[in-house]
Amino acid sequence: MSKRIITISREFGAGGHTLGKMAAERLNIPFYDQAIIDSAVADTGFSPDFVREAGEYASSTHSFLFNLVLSHSVTAAPGGELSNYDKIYIAQAKTIQSLAEQSPCVIVGRCADYILRERRDCLNIFVHADTAYRQQRILQEYGEREGKTIAERLDEKDKKRMLYYRHYTDREWGDIKNYHLTINTAVIPLEMAVNWIVDAFC
């Protein structure tokens, strides 16, 4: 069965965003990343910066970590109201489901592989690389930042993604059982990886 939807989960600095965009261009299908943030902003009224951070990364605040301990699903805050994180997750999940219904596309991050788990037309990909490769790529793409080393930024981003994914899916982020294809971009050039994705998609 040919696929309609490509979901890409990725380690920070491994090039998953770039790879997804390249695959979408090769296949001539829409690529969704920022659009999911924009839709969640419109639905929730939160600021773009807050949605960008809270919509894929676990917060270090006590309340969210408390929820992580209590439950792996969407959780209600004291008083029965959903937390802001859950509101963003629900808004993004609705957007992802809607986009998947509209047309073939590539969706990056935000637990899309889990949100669309009932579909049989998804190709779920995990993009990773060794630390040295990712550090070099982050330096080239984003440069140095005051206050944190590149190694600290890598560790922080990956831990937050791991906690976010575990919280909302009850799965382990990066576990090969959750994906159809895993790609090590430190070993496989992006152009070759795109060829693999296109072959698996068609």
Protein backbone atom coordinates (compact mmCIF):
# COMPACT_ATOMS: atom_id res chain seq x y z
CA MET A 1 0.00 0.00 0.00
CA SER A 2 1.40 3.39 -0.95
CA LYS A 3 1.60 6.04 1.75
CA ARG A 4 -0.04 9.47 1.92
CA ILE A 5 1.46 11.01 5.04
CA ILE A 6 5.08 11.26 6.20
CA THR A 7 5.71 12.03 9.86
CA ILE A 8 9.20 12.96 10.97
CA SER A 9 10.45 12.81 14.55
CA ARG A 10 14.00 14.01 15.05
CA GLU A 11 16.81 14.59 17.47
CA PHE A 12 17.81 18.22 17.79
CA GLY A 13 20.45 19.07 15.20
CA ALA A 14 20.07 15.87 13.18
CA GLY A 15 18.52 17.68 10.20
CA GLY A 16 15.01 16.22 10.38
CA HIS A 17 13.34 19.52 9.49
CA THR A 18 15.59 19.97 6.45
CA LEU A 19 15.11 16.37 5.39
CA GLY A 20 11.32 16.66 5.65
CA LYS A 21 11.30 19.82 3.59
CA MET A 22 13.50 18.23 0.92
CA ALA A 23 11.24 15.18 0.75
CA ALA A 24 8.11 17.33 0.45
CA GLU A 25 9.66 19.32 -2.39
CA ARG A 26 10.72 16.14 -4.21
CA LEU A 27 7.24 14.65 -3.83
CA ASN A 28 5.52 17.99 -4.53
CA ILE A 29 3.36 17.75 -1.42
CA PRO A 30 2.79 20.25 1.44
CA PHE A 31 5.27 20.50 4.31
CA TYR A 32 3.88 21.36 7.75
CA ASP A 33 5.76 22.66 10.74
CA GLN A 34 5.18 26.38 11.32
CA ALA A 35 1.60 26.09 10.06
CA ILE A 36 0.76 23.78 12.96
CA ILE A 37 2.05 26.41 15.39
CA ASP A 38 0.03 29.13 13.65
CA SER A 39 -3.13 27.04 13.87
CA ALA A 40 -2.60 26.32 17.59
CA VAL A 41 -2.02 30.05 18.21
CA ALA A 42 -5.33 30.84 16.51
CA ASP A 43 -7.18 28.12 18.45
CA THR A 44 -5.77 28.83 21.91
CA GLY A 45 -4.94 32.53 21.85
CA PHE A 46 -1.47 31.86 23.28
CA SER A 47 1.57 33.66 21.93
CA PRO A 48 3.53 32.06 19.04
CA ASP A 49 6.65 31.80 21.21
CA PHE A 50 4.77 29.99 23.97
CA VAL A 51 3.10 27.58 21.54
CA ARG A 52 6.40 26.94 19.77
CA GLU A 53 8.05 25.94 23.05
CA ALA A 54 5.15 24.28 24.86
CA GLY A 55 3.84 22.51 21.75
CA GLU A 56 6.76 20.12 21.45
CA TYR A 57 8.98 20.46 24.50
CA ALA A 58 8.21 19.48 28.07
CA SER A 59 8.37 22.45 30.42
CA SER A 60 10.69 22.47 33.39
CA THR A 61 7.94 23.92 35.59
CA HIS A 62 6.82 21.96 38.60
CA SER A 63 3.20 21.68 37.47
CA PHE A 64 4.01 19.96 34.19
CA LEU A 65 6.52 17.57 35.72
CA PHE A 66 3.89 16.76 38.35
CA ASN A 67 1.50 15.85 35.54
CA LEU A 68 4.20 13.69 33.97
CA VAL A 69 4.34 11.65 37.15
CA LEU A 70 0.59 11.36 37.55
CA SER A 71 -0.48 10.42 34.03
CA HIS A 72 0.64 9.70 30.49
CA SER A 73 -2.49 11.16 28.93
CA VAL A 74 -4.11 14.58 28.72
CA THR A 75 -4.53 15.72 32.30
CA ALA A 76 -6.80 18.12 34.10
CA ALA A 77 -5.34 20.83 36.26
CA PRO A 78 -6.77 21.50 39.73
CA GLY A 79 -10.41 22.54 39.36
CA GLY A 80 -10.97 20.26 36.38
CA GLU A 81 -9.53 22.57 33.74
CA LEU A 82 -7.00 21.41 31.19
CA SER A 83 -3.48 22.72 31.58
CA ASN A 84 -2.18 25.17 28.96
CA TYR A 85 0.10 22.41 27.68
CA ASP A 86 -2.83 20.07 27.17
CA LYS A 87 -4.81 22.78 25.38
CA ILE A 88 -1.93 23.25 22.95
CA TYR A 89 -1.52 19.50 22.45
CA ILE A 90 -5.24 19.09 21.67
CA ALA A 91 -5.20 22.05 19.26
CA GLN A 92 -2.16 20.68 17.45
CA ALA A 93 -3.61 17.15 17.33
CA LYS A 94 -6.79 18.46 15.70
CA THR A 95 -4.74 20.38 13.15
CA ILE A 96 -2.55 17.37 12.36
CA GLN A 97 -5.60 15.13 11.88
CA SER A 98 -7.21 17.73 9.63
CA LEU A 99 -4.08 18.18 7.52
CA ALA A 100 -3.77 14.41 7.10
CA GLU A 101 -7.34 14.27 5.77
CA GLN A 102 -6.85 17.10 3.29
CA SER A 103 -3.99 15.82 1.14
CA PRO A 104 -0.68 13.92 1.14
CA CYS A 105 1.87 15.86 3.21
CA VAL A 106 4.95 15.83 5.44
CA ILE A 107 4.45 16.66 9.13
CA VAL A 108 7.39 17.36 11.43
CA GLY A 109 7.35 16.60 15.16
CA ARG A 110 4.55 17.15 17.66
CA CYS A 111 3.78 13.46 18.21
CA ALA A 112 2.28 13.23 14.72
CA ASP A 113 3.23 9.56 14.42
CA TYR A 114 1.18 8.82 17.54
CA ILE A 115 -1.71 11.16 16.73
CA LEU A 116 -2.13 9.45 13.34
CA ARG A 117 -1.45 5.95 14.68
CA GLU A 118 -4.81 4.57 13.52
CA ARG A 119 -4.06 5.41 9.90
CA ARG A 120 -2.44 2.81 7.67
CA ASP A 121 -1.19 5.32 5.11
CA CYS A 122 1.53 6.95 7.26
CA LEU A 123 5.26 6.54 6.85
CA ASN A 124 6.80 7.28 10.25
CA ILE A 125 10.47 8.29 10.27
CA PHE A 126 12.95 9.01 13.07
CA VAL A 127 16.02 11.10 12.20
CA HIS A 128 19.06 10.88 14.45
CA ALA A 129 22.83 11.32 14.45
CA ASP A 130 25.77 11.13 16.79
CA THR A 131 26.52 14.01 19.14
CA ALA A 132 29.60 15.28 17.30
CA TYR A 133 27.70 15.58 14.00
CA ARG A 134 24.78 17.36 15.62
CA GLN A 135 27.03 19.78 17.49
CA GLN A 136 28.79 20.71 14.27
CA ARG A 137 25.50 21.14 12.42
CA ILE A 138 23.98 23.32 15.15
CA LEU A 139 27.07 25.52 15.14
CA GLN A 140 26.79 25.94 11.36
CA GLU A 141 23.03 26.48 11.33
CA TYR A 142 22.44 28.52 14.48
CA GLY A 143 25.84 29.60 15.82
CA GLU A 144 26.86 29.99 19.43
CA ARG A 145 24.43 31.31 22.06
CA GLU A 146 25.21 33.11 25.25
CA GLY A 147 24.76 31.18 28.47
CA LYS A 148 24.71 27.62 27.15
CA THR A 149 27.18 25.44 25.32
CA ILE A 150 26.09 23.55 22.22
CA ALA A 151 26.32 20.29 24.18
CA GLU A 152 23.98 21.72 26.85
CA ARG A 153 21.51 22.89 24.19
CA LEU A 154 21.51 19.45 22.60
CA ASP A 155 20.92 17.71 25.90
CA GLU A 156 18.17 20.11 26.98
CA LYS A 157 16.21 19.96 23.72
CA ASP A 158 16.38 16.18 23.45
CA LYS A 159 15.33 15.66 27.08
CA LYS A 160 12.38 17.99 26.67
CA ARG A 161 11.25 16.25 23.48
CA MET A 162 11.62 12.85 25.16
CA LEU A 163 9.51 13.89 28.17
CA TYR A 164 6.86 15.53 25.99
CA TYR A 165 6.56 12.47 23.76
CA ARG A 166 6.43 10.07 26.72
CA HIS A 167 3.81 12.18 28.48
CA TYR A 168 1.37 12.29 25.58
CA THR A 169 1.98 8.88 24.00
CA ASP A 170 3.14 6.52 26.76
CA ARG A 171 5.87 5.52 24.32
CA GLU A 172 9.62 5.99 24.32
CA TRP A 173 10.81 8.68 21.92
CA GLY A 174 13.25 7.20 19.41
CA ASP A 175 12.21 3.58 20.03
CA ILE A 176 12.62 1.89 16.63
CA LYS A 177 9.38 -0.07 17.12
CA ASN A 178 7.43 3.18 16.68
CA TYR A 179 8.85 3.97 13.23
CA HIS A 180 9.02 2.43 9.79
CA LEU A 181 12.37 3.98 8.97
CA THR A 182 15.19 5.42 11.06
CA ILE A 183 17.91 7.49 9.41
CA ASN A 184 21.32 8.36 10.81
CA THR A 185 22.21 11.58 9.01
CA ALA A 186 25.80 11.44 10.25
CA VAL A 187 26.22 8.36 8.02
CA ILE A 188 23.55 8.77 5.33
CA PRO A 189 23.76 11.99 3.24
CA LEU A 190 20.50 13.94 3.08
CA GLU A 191 20.11 13.42 -0.67
CA MET A 192 20.40 9.65 -0.24
CA ALA A 193 17.98 9.76 2.68
CA VAL A 194 15.46 11.66 0.55
CA ASN A 195 15.72 8.94 -2.10
CA TRP A 196 14.97 6.31 0.55
CA ILE A 197 11.93 8.26 1.77
CA VAL A 198 10.57 8.79 -1.74
CA ASP A 199 10.99 5.08 -2.56
CA ALA A 200 9.24 4.06 0.66
CA PHE A 201 6.46 6.61 0.12
CA CYS A 202 5.53 5.70 -3.45
